[in-house]
Protein backbone atom coordinates (compact mmCIF):
# COMPACT_ATOMS: atom_id res chain seq x y z
CA MET A 1 12.33 10.72 -8.39
CA ASN A 2 10.44 7.52 -9.14
CA VAL A 3 6.77 7.79 -8.08
CA PHE A 4 4.10 5.46 -9.42
CA THR A 5 0.46 6.17 -8.55
CA PHE A 6 -2.33 3.78 -9.52
CA SER A 7 -5.65 2.36 -8.42
CA GLY A 8 -7.15 -1.09 -8.72
CA ASN A 9 -8.55 -4.06 -6.83
CA LEU A 10 -6.66 -6.42 -4.55
CA GLY A 11 -6.18 -9.82 -6.18
CA ARG A 12 -5.85 -11.68 -2.86
CA ASP A 13 -5.85 -11.03 0.88
CA VAL A 14 -2.76 -9.34 2.31
CA LYS A 15 0.01 -11.55 3.73
CA VAL A 16 1.99 -10.15 6.66
CA ASN A 17 5.48 -11.59 7.23
CA GLN A 18 8.74 -10.82 9.01
CA ALA A 19 11.74 -9.99 6.83
CA GLY A 20 15.11 -9.19 8.37
CA GLY A 21 13.67 -7.91 11.65
CA SER A 22 11.05 -5.75 9.95
CA THR A 23 7.39 -6.43 9.22
CA VAL A 24 6.23 -6.46 5.60
CA ALA A 25 2.68 -6.68 4.23
CA ASN A 26 2.52 -8.07 0.68
CA PHE A 27 -0.46 -7.74 -1.63
CA VAL A 28 -1.22 -7.74 -5.37
CA VAL A 29 -3.24 -5.05 -7.14
CA ALA A 30 -5.00 -5.63 -10.48
CA VAL A 31 -4.93 -2.45 -12.58
CA LYS A 32 -7.22 -2.45 -15.63
CA SER A 33 -6.53 -0.39 -18.73
CA GLY A 34 -8.13 -0.14 -22.13
CA TYR A 35 -11.64 -1.19 -23.02
CA GLY A 36 -13.50 -3.76 -25.11
CA ASP A 37 -11.24 -6.24 -26.90
CA ARG A 38 -8.18 -4.22 -25.89
CA GLU A 39 -8.80 -4.34 -22.15
CA GLN A 40 -5.77 -5.53 -20.18
CA THR A 41 -5.08 -6.27 -16.55
CA LEU A 42 -1.68 -5.31 -15.16
CA TRP A 43 -0.73 -7.03 -11.88
CA VAL A 44 1.48 -5.08 -9.47
CA ASP A 45 3.16 -6.78 -6.46
CA CYS A 46 3.10 -4.30 -3.57
CA SER A 47 5.08 -4.23 -0.32
CA LEU A 48 4.16 -2.13 2.71
CA TRP A 49 6.97 -2.01 5.31
CA GLY A 50 7.44 -1.18 8.97
CA LYS A 51 4.88 0.20 11.40
CA ARG A 52 2.20 0.58 8.72
CA ALA A 53 2.40 -3.17 8.07
CA GLU A 54 2.14 -3.90 11.81
CA GLY A 55 -0.90 -1.72 12.50
CA GLY A 56 -4.58 -2.22 11.80
CA LEU A 57 -4.41 -1.49 8.06
CA PRO A 58 -3.71 -5.07 6.89
CA GLN A 59 -7.05 -6.31 8.25
CA TYR A 60 -8.81 -4.09 5.69
CA LEU A 61 -6.70 -5.26 2.75
CA THR A 62 -8.87 -8.13 1.54
CA LYS A 63 -9.47 -9.60 -1.90
CA GLY A 64 -11.63 -7.29 -4.05
CA GLN A 65 -10.93 -4.14 -2.00
CA THR A 66 -10.40 -1.06 -4.20
CA VAL A 67 -7.22 0.81 -3.28
CA MET A 68 -5.20 3.77 -4.51
CA VAL A 69 -1.45 3.24 -4.13
CA SER A 70 1.55 5.49 -4.54
CA GLY A 71 5.15 4.38 -4.25
CA GLU A 72 8.43 3.49 -5.92
CA LEU A 73 8.09 1.39 -9.07
CA GLY A 74 10.42 -1.51 -9.71
CA SER A 75 10.57 -4.84 -11.50
CA ARG A 76 11.65 -8.36 -10.69
CA GLU A 77 12.43 -11.22 -13.05
CA TYR A 78 11.75 -14.89 -12.39
CA GLN A 79 11.44 -18.14 -14.25
CA ASP A 80 8.02 -19.85 -14.22
CA ASN A 81 7.38 -23.61 -14.02
CA ASP A 82 7.61 -23.94 -17.81
CA GLY A 83 11.06 -22.34 -17.91
CA ASN A 84 9.83 -19.03 -19.36
CA ASN A 85 11.36 -15.79 -18.09
CA LYS A 86 8.75 -13.43 -16.62
CA THR A 87 8.94 -9.85 -15.39
CA VAL A 88 6.79 -8.63 -12.51
CA LEU A 89 6.11 -4.99 -11.67
CA THR A 90 6.69 -4.17 -8.00
CA CYS A 91 5.80 -1.18 -5.86
CA ASN A 92 7.41 -0.22 -2.55
CA VAL A 93 4.33 1.50 -1.09
CA ALA A 94 4.69 5.04 0.25
CA SER A 95 0.96 5.69 0.69
CA ILE A 96 -2.25 3.72 0.31
CA THR A 97 -5.88 4.84 0.35
CA LEU A 98 -8.81 2.48 0.80
CA ALA A 99 -11.59 3.29 -1.66
CA SER A 100 -14.38 0.74 -1.23
CA ALA A 101 -14.83 -2.98 -0.77
CA LYS A 102 -16.01 -5.17 -3.61
CA GLY A 103 -19.80 -5.22 -3.61
CA ASP A 104 -19.94 -2.43 -1.00
CA ASN A 105 -23.08 -0.35 -1.32
CA SER A 106 -21.67 3.02 -0.30
CA ASN A 107 -24.45 5.19 -1.75
CA SER A 108 -26.25 5.73 1.57
CA GLN A 109 -23.19 6.18 3.78
CA PRO A 110 -21.53 9.22 2.13
CA GLN A 111 -24.80 11.18 2.07
CA GLN A 112 -25.12 10.94 5.85
CA GLN A 113 -21.49 11.59 6.72
CA PRO A 114 -21.20 15.24 5.50
CA GLN A 115 -24.12 16.23 7.72
CA ARG A 116 -22.37 14.81 10.79
CA GLN A 117 -19.13 16.51 9.84
CA GLN A 118 -20.91 19.81 9.38
CA GLN A 119 -22.49 19.58 12.83
CA ALA A 120 -19.18 18.71 14.47
CA GLN A 121 -17.31 21.68 13.00
CA PRO A 122 -17.19 24.82 15.18
CA GLN A 123 -18.74 27.97 13.82
CA GLN A 124 -16.14 30.07 12.07
CA GLN A 125 -16.21 33.83 12.23
CA ALA A 126 -15.68 35.97 9.17
CA PRO A 127 -11.99 36.83 8.81
CA THR A 128 -11.00 40.30 9.88
CA ASN A 129 -8.55 42.38 7.92
CA ASP A 130 -5.94 43.62 10.39
CA PHE A 131 -3.54 44.77 7.66
CA ASP A 132 -2.81 48.35 6.79
CA ASP A 133 -4.27 49.35 3.42
CA ASP A 134 -1.34 51.66 2.71
CA ILE A 135 1.00 48.96 1.39
CA PRO A 136 3.49 50.57 -1.03
CA PHE A 137 3.36 47.86 -3.70
């Protein structure tokens, strides 16, 4: 099984197109690794197919958005304008999670949300033990 999970920032806004009767949303994720002088940025071309590409998700996939992606890893070769052969990493997206937008100040929001969730949850009763204590093992 080929599963590639990574997180990074979108390098450009999503582009939604039709391909062979199906909808596809294409976007590029910049994944940073290393630190200092050895820091590198790996660019991954991602494709989100079908109903997920048709829904409301693409409107949130804008440049700078932090995402966590999981899917099938692949590669594609092409020749650039100078005649050099290049290899691009690709990902056929199985799942995507939006983390936060670039420059989003999310410090105040998460502190308020758990309180609302706690109020909305029904009161749970302590579990009762309906099992017989005389289990032979």
